[in-house]
Amino acid sequence: MTGYFKIFTAIPGFFLSSFILMLLWGAIAPDFGIAAISYVTAMLINITLWLAVAPLAAVGRGGFHM
């Protein structure tokens, strides 16, 4: 599969992981005295994490070449 199609296969995982992040954050937030987050905020946190981890994963697999 080419790189463009791999991006499309990751899209459902992004939305699902954002939803799970929102649910888990809401479950532990009261224990720490912080507010729950909305789905949009969970998506922003999730995309930030994905953008930070994706280059590290590519380098770890040896897939990043300059």
PDB file of N, CA and C in Angstrom:
ATOM      1  N   MET A   1       0.841  -1.177   0.000  1.00  0.00           N
ATOM      2  CA  MET A   1       0.000   0.000   0.000  1.00  0.00           C
ATOM      3  C   MET A   1       0.886   1.240   0.000  1.00  0.00           C
ATOM      4  N   THR A   2       0.492   2.238  -0.757  1.00  0.00           N
ATOM      5  CA  THR A   2       1.297   3.454  -0.790  1.00  0.00           C
ATOM      6  C   THR A   2       1.018   4.321   0.428  1.00  0.00           C
ATOM      7  N   GLY A   3       1.845   5.307   0.630  1.00  0.00           N
ATOM      8  CA  GLY A   3       1.745   6.159   1.806  1.00  0.00           C
ATOM      9  C   GLY A   3       0.438   6.918   1.925  1.00  0.00           C
ATOM     10  N   TYR A   4      -0.123   7.318   0.777  1.00  0.00           N
ATOM     11  CA  TYR A   4      -1.364   8.087   0.819  1.00  0.00           C
ATOM     12  C   TYR A   4      -2.520   7.261   1.353  1.00  0.00           C
ATOM     13  N   PHE A   5      -2.579   5.999   0.987  1.00  0.00           N
ATOM     14  CA  PHE A   5      -3.661   5.149   1.449  1.00  0.00           C
ATOM     15  C   PHE A   5      -3.496   4.756   2.910  1.00  0.00           C
ATOM     16  N   LYS A   6      -2.268   4.715   3.385  1.00  0.00           N
ATOM     17  CA  LYS A   6      -2.040   4.434   4.802  1.00  0.00           C
ATOM     18  C   LYS A   6      -2.587   5.560   5.675  1.00  0.00           C
ATOM     19  N   ILE A   7      -2.539   6.776   5.181  1.00  0.00           N
ATOM     20  CA  ILE A   7      -3.093   7.907   5.919  1.00  0.00           C
ATOM     21  C   ILE A   7      -4.595   7.719   6.103  1.00  0.00           C
ATOM     22  N   PHE A   8      -5.278   7.284   5.046  1.00  0.00           N
ATOM     23  CA  PHE A   8      -6.722   7.084   5.133  1.00  0.00           C
ATOM     24  C   PHE A   8      -7.093   5.977   6.113  1.00  0.00           C
ATOM     25  N   THR A   9      -6.247   4.977   6.253  1.00  0.00           N
ATOM     26  CA  THR A   9      -6.546   3.906   7.202  1.00  0.00           C
ATOM     27  C   THR A   9      -6.348   4.365   8.643  1.00  0.00           C
ATOM     28  N   ALA A  10      -5.581   5.421   8.871  1.00  0.00           N
ATOM     29  CA  ALA A  10      -5.346   5.928  10.228  1.00  0.00           C
ATOM     30  C   ALA A  10      -6.453   6.858  10.711  1.00  0.00           C
ATOM     31  N   ILE A  11      -7.275   7.359   9.816  1.00  0.00           N
ATOM     32  CA  ILE A  11      -8.303   8.330  10.190  1.00  0.00           C
ATOM     33  C   ILE A  11      -9.289   7.780  11.215  1.00  0.00           C
ATOM     34  N   PRO A  12      -9.876   6.591  11.012  1.00  0.00           N
ATOM     35  CA  PRO A  12     -10.796   6.087  12.043  1.00  0.00           C
ATOM     36  C   PRO A  12     -10.118   5.889  13.401  1.00  0.00           C
ATOM     37  N   GLY A  13      -8.861   5.487  13.389  1.00  0.00           N
ATOM     38  CA  GLY A  13      -8.121   5.325  14.637  1.00  0.00           C
ATOM     39  C   GLY A  13      -7.945   6.640  15.376  1.00  0.00           C
ATOM     40  N   PHE A  14      -7.783   7.720  14.635  1.00  0.00           N
ATOM     41  CA  PHE A  14      -7.648   9.032  15.258  1.00  0.00           C
ATOM     42  C   PHE A  14      -8.919   9.405  16.008  1.00  0.00           C
ATOM     43  N   PHE A  15     -10.070   9.251  15.352  1.00  0.00           N
ATOM     44  CA  PHE A  15     -11.325   9.620  15.989  1.00  0.00           C
ATOM     45  C   PHE A  15     -11.648   8.709  17.170  1.00  0.00           C
ATOM     46  N   LEU A  16     -11.356   7.439  17.030  1.00  0.00           N
ATOM     47  CA  LEU A  16     -11.608   6.500  18.120  1.00  0.00           C
ATOM     48  C   LEU A  16     -10.689   6.781  19.306  1.00  0.00           C
ATOM     49  N   SER A  17      -9.418   7.031  19.047  1.00  0.00           N
ATOM     50  CA  SER A  17      -8.500   7.306  20.147  1.00  0.00           C
ATOM     51  C   SER A  17      -8.826   8.635  20.827  1.00  0.00           C
ATOM     52  N   SER A  18      -9.348   9.608  20.085  1.00  0.00           N
ATOM     53  CA  SER A  18      -9.794  10.867  20.697  1.00  0.00           C
ATOM     54  C   SER A  18     -10.983  10.624  21.617  1.00  0.00           C
ATOM     55  N   PHE A  19     -11.904   9.788  21.171  1.00  0.00           N
ATOM     56  CA  PHE A  19     -13.077   9.469  21.983  1.00  0.00           C
ATOM     57  C   PHE A  19     -12.668   8.734  23.263  1.00  0.00           C
ATOM     58  N   ILE A  20     -11.751   7.781  23.134  1.00  0.00           N
ATOM     59  CA  ILE A  20     -11.281   7.039  24.313  1.00  0.00           C
ATOM     60  C   ILE A  20     -10.536   7.970  25.264  1.00  0.00           C
ATOM     61  N   LEU A  21      -9.720   8.870  24.722  1.00  0.00           N
ATOM     62  CA  LEU A  21      -9.016   9.847  25.559  1.00  0.00           C
ATOM     63  C   LEU A  21     -10.002  10.703  26.344  1.00  0.00           C
ATOM     64  N   MET A  22     -11.068  11.167  25.681  1.00  0.00           N
ATOM     65  CA  MET A  22     -12.080  11.978  26.352  1.00  0.00           C
ATOM     66  C   MET A  22     -12.738  11.193  27.484  1.00  0.00           C
ATOM     67  N   LEU A  23     -13.086   9.938  27.227  1.00  0.00           N
ATOM     68  CA  LEU A  23     -13.743   9.125  28.247  1.00  0.00           C
ATOM     69  C   LEU A  23     -12.815   8.848  29.434  1.00  0.00           C
ATOM     70  N   LEU A  24     -11.575   8.493  29.152  1.00  0.00           N
ATOM     71  CA  LEU A  24     -10.646   8.189  30.238  1.00  0.00           C
ATOM     72  C   LEU A  24     -10.297   9.442  31.037  1.00  0.00           C
ATOM     73  N   TRP A  25     -10.139  10.562  30.343  1.00  0.00           N
ATOM     74  CA  TRP A  25      -9.858  11.819  31.039  1.00  0.00           C
ATOM     75  C   TRP A  25     -11.015  12.160  31.967  1.00  0.00           C
ATOM     76  N   GLY A  26     -12.238  11.987  31.489  1.00  0.00           N
ATOM     77  CA  GLY A  26     -13.407  12.270  32.317  1.00  0.00           C
ATOM     78  C   GLY A  26     -13.516  11.345  33.519  1.00  0.00           C
ATOM     79  N   ALA A  27     -12.994  10.123  33.381  1.00  0.00           N
ATOM     80  CA  ALA A  27     -13.056   9.175  34.484  1.00  0.00           C
ATOM     81  C   ALA A  27     -12.047   9.495  35.584  1.00  0.00           C
ATOM     82  N   ILE A  28     -10.882  10.019  35.212  1.00  0.00           N
ATOM     83  CA  ILE A  28      -9.858  10.279  36.230  1.00  0.00           C
ATOM     84  C   ILE A  28      -9.785  11.749  36.643  1.00  0.00           C
ATOM     85  N   ALA A  29     -10.409  12.652  35.894  1.00  0.00           N
ATOM     86  CA  ALA A  29     -10.331  14.083  36.202  1.00  0.00           C
ATOM     87  C   ALA A  29     -10.810  14.416  37.607  1.00  0.00           C
ATOM     88  N   PRO A  30     -11.930  13.869  38.082  1.00  0.00           N
ATOM     89  CA  PRO A  30     -12.369  14.218  39.440  1.00  0.00           C
ATOM     90  C   PRO A  30     -11.370  13.801  40.523  1.00  0.00           C
ATOM     91  N   ASP A  31     -10.628  12.744  40.295  1.00  0.00           N
ATOM     92  CA  ASP A  31      -9.636  12.301  41.276  1.00  0.00           C
ATOM     93  C   ASP A  31      -8.510  13.312  41.456  1.00  0.00           C
ATOM     94  N   PHE A  32      -8.220  14.069  40.418  1.00  0.00           N
ATOM     95  CA  PHE A  32      -7.146  15.046  40.472  1.00  0.00           C
ATOM     96  C   PHE A  32      -7.648  16.476  40.620  1.00  0.00           C
ATOM     97  N   GLY A  33      -8.958  16.652  40.679  1.00  0.00           N
ATOM     98  CA  GLY A  33      -9.530  17.979  40.850  1.00  0.00           C
ATOM     99  C   GLY A  33      -9.441  18.845  39.610  1.00  0.00           C
ATOM    100  N   ILE A  34      -9.416  18.244  38.435  1.00  0.00           N
ATOM    101  CA  ILE A  34      -9.372  19.013  37.189  1.00  0.00           C
ATOM    102  C   ILE A  34     -10.671  18.793  36.426  1.00  0.00           C
ATOM    103  N   ALA A  35     -10.948  19.682  35.506  1.00  0.00           N
ATOM    104  CA  ALA A  35     -12.195  19.613  34.742  1.00  0.00           C
ATOM    105  C   ALA A  35     -12.091  18.556  33.647  1.00  0.00           C
ATOM    106  N   ALA A  36     -13.233  18.018  33.277  1.00  0.00           N
ATOM    107  CA  ALA A  36     -13.298  17.097  32.146  1.00  0.00           C
ATOM    108  C   ALA A  36     -13.071  17.891  30.857  1.00  0.00           C
ATOM    109  N   ILE A  37     -12.714  17.203  29.793  1.00  0.00           N
ATOM    110  CA  ILE A  37     -12.455  17.860  28.516  1.00  0.00           C
ATOM    111  C   ILE A  37     -13.525  17.466  27.507  1.00  0.00           C
ATOM    112  N   SER A  38     -13.702  18.321  26.521  1.00  0.00           N
ATOM    113  CA  SER A  38     -14.664  18.034  25.461  1.00  0.00           C
ATOM    114  C   SER A  38     -14.006  17.161  24.401  1.00  0.00           C
ATOM    115  N   TYR A  39     -14.819  16.688  23.464  1.00  0.00           N
ATOM    116  CA  TYR A  39     -14.296  15.851  22.381  1.00  0.00           C
ATOM    117  C   TYR A  39     -13.333  16.638  21.496  1.00  0.00           C
ATOM    118  N   VAL A  40     -13.639  17.912  21.254  1.00  0.00           N
ATOM    119  CA  VAL A  40     -12.765  18.744  20.425  1.00  0.00           C
ATOM    120  C   VAL A  40     -11.407  18.927  21.104  1.00  0.00           C
ATOM    121  N   THR A  41     -11.399  19.155  22.395  1.00  0.00           N
ATOM    122  CA  THR A  41     -10.137  19.282  23.128  1.00  0.00           C
ATOM    123  C   THR A  41      -9.375  17.969  23.105  1.00  0.00           C
ATOM    124  N   ALA A  42     -10.087  16.857  23.224  1.00  0.00           N
ATOM    125  CA  ALA A  42      -9.431  15.549  23.140  1.00  0.00           C
ATOM    126  C   ALA A  42      -8.802  15.344  21.768  1.00  0.00           C
ATOM    127  N   MET A  43      -9.461  15.835  20.705  1.00  0.00           N
ATOM    128  CA  MET A  43      -8.879  15.724  19.368  1.00  0.00           C
ATOM    129  C   MET A  43      -7.616  16.571  19.246  1.00  0.00           C
ATOM    130  N   LEU A  44      -7.624  17.765  19.856  1.00  0.00           N
ATOM    131  CA  LEU A  44      -6.427  18.619  19.811  1.00  0.00           C
ATOM    132  C   LEU A  44      -5.259  17.984  20.563  1.00  0.00           C
ATOM    133  N   ILE A  45      -5.544  17.403  21.727  1.00  0.00           N
ATOM    134  CA  ILE A  45      -4.495  16.720  22.488  1.00  0.00           C
ATOM    135  C   ILE A  45      -3.980  15.528  21.693  1.00  0.00           C
ATOM    136  N   ASN A  46      -4.905  14.789  21.093  1.00  0.00           N
ATOM    137  CA  ASN A  46      -4.539  13.591  20.353  1.00  0.00           C
ATOM    138  C   ASN A  46      -3.678  13.915  19.130  1.00  0.00           C
ATOM    139  N   ILE A  47      -4.042  14.920  18.363  1.00  0.00           N
ATOM    140  CA  ILE A  47      -3.255  15.270  17.175  1.00  0.00           C
ATOM    141  C   ILE A  47      -1.883  15.779  17.587  1.00  0.00           C
ATOM    142  N   THR A  48      -1.798  16.484  18.710  1.00  0.00           N
ATOM    143  CA  THR A  48      -0.499  16.938  19.210  1.00  0.00           C
ATOM    144  C   THR A  48       0.392  15.756  19.556  1.00  0.00           C
ATOM    145  N   LEU A  49      -0.185  14.769  20.234  1.00  0.00           N
ATOM    146  CA  LEU A  49       0.588  13.570  20.569  1.00  0.00           C
ATOM    147  C   LEU A  49       0.988  12.800  19.323  1.00  0.00           C
ATOM    148  N   TRP A  50       0.081  12.672  18.365  1.00  0.00           N
ATOM    149  CA  TRP A  50       0.393  11.943  17.133  1.00  0.00           C
ATOM    150  C   TRP A  50       1.505  12.640  16.362  1.00  0.00           C
ATOM    151  N   LEU A  51       1.486  13.971  16.301  1.00  0.00           N
ATOM    152  CA  LEU A  51       2.521  14.696  15.574  1.00  0.00           C
ATOM    153  C   LEU A  51       3.872  14.604  16.265  1.00  0.00           C
ATOM    154  N   ALA A  52       3.853  14.435  17.579  1.00  0.00           N
ATOM    155  CA  ALA A  52       5.111  14.302  18.310  1.00  0.00           C
ATOM    156  C   ALA A  52       5.658  12.881  18.227  1.00  0.00           C
ATOM    157  N   VAL A  53       4.785  11.886  18.225  1.00  0.00           N
ATOM    158  CA  VAL A  53       5.225  10.487  18.275  1.00  0.00           C
ATOM    159  C   VAL A  53       5.502   9.911  16.886  1.00  0.00           C
ATOM    160  N   ALA A  54       4.802  10.356  15.856  1.00  0.00           N
ATOM    161  CA  ALA A  54       4.958   9.786  14.515  1.00  0.00           C
ATOM    162  C   ALA A  54       6.398   9.864  13.993  1.00  0.00           C
ATOM    163  N   PRO A  55       7.087  11.001  14.106  1.00  0.00           N
ATOM    164  CA  PRO A  55       8.485  11.021  13.645  1.00  0.00           C
ATOM    165  C   PRO A  55       9.377  10.079  14.458  1.00  0.00           C
ATOM    166  N   LEU A  56       9.112   9.963  15.751  1.00  0.00           N
ATOM    167  CA  LEU A  56       9.904   9.051  16.564  1.00  0.00           C
ATOM    168  C   LEU A  56       9.676   7.603  16.150  1.00  0.00           C
ATOM    169  N   ALA A  57       8.435   7.267  15.835  1.00  0.00           N
ATOM    170  CA  ALA A  57       8.128   5.909  15.391  1.00  0.00           C
ATOM    171  C   ALA A  57       8.769   5.627  14.035  1.00  0.00           C
ATOM    172  N   ALA A  58       8.771   6.612  13.146  1.00  0.00           N
ATOM    173  CA  ALA A  58       9.380   6.427  11.828  1.00  0.00           C
ATOM    174  C   ALA A  58      10.883   6.219  11.949  1.00  0.00           C
ATOM    175  N   VAL A  59      11.512   6.975  12.811  1.00  0.00           N
ATOM    176  CA  VAL A  59      12.962   6.814  13.007  1.00  0.00           C
ATOM    177  C   VAL A  59      13.253   5.468  13.655  1.00  0.00           C
ATOM    178  N   GLY A  60      12.421   5.061  14.600  1.00  0.00           N
ATOM    179  CA  GLY A  60      12.621   3.777  15.264  1.00  0.00           C
ATOM    180  C   GLY A  60      12.498   2.607  14.319  1.00  0.00           C
ATOM    181  N   ARG A  61      11.636   2.709  13.312  1.00  0.00           N
ATOM    182  CA  ARG A  61      11.473   1.646  12.331  1.00  0.00           C
ATOM    183  C   ARG A  61      12.483   1.763  11.201  1.00  0.00           C
ATOM    184  N   GLY A  62      13.204   2.841  11.166  1.00  0.00           N
ATOM    185  CA  GLY A  62      14.170   3.052  10.085  1.00  0.00           C
ATOM    186  C   GLY A  62      13.507   3.576   8.821  1.00  0.00           C
ATOM    187  N   GLY A  63      12.344   4.177   8.935  1.00  0.00           N
ATOM    188  CA  GLY A  63      11.609   4.640   7.777  1.00  0.00           C
ATOM    189  C   GLY A  63      11.832   6.095   7.435  1.00  0.00           C
ATOM    190  N   PHE A  64      12.666   6.794   8.177  1.00  0.00           N
ATOM    191  CA  PHE A  64      12.894   8.209   7.930  1.00  0.00           C
ATOM    192  C   PHE A  64      14.269   8.381   7.303  1.00  0.00           C
ATOM    193  N   HIS A  65      14.285   8.903   6.076  1.00  0.00           N
ATOM    194  CA  HIS A  65      15.559   9.112   5.373  1.00  0.00           C
ATOM    195  C   HIS A  65      15.571  10.515   4.815  1.00  0.00           C
ATOM    196  N   MET A  66      16.673  11.199   5.010  1.00  0.00           N
ATOM    197  CA  MET A  66      16.799  12.552   4.477  1.00  0.00           C
ATOM    198  C   MET A  66      17.662  12.539   3.243  1.00  0.00           C
TER     199      MET A  66
END
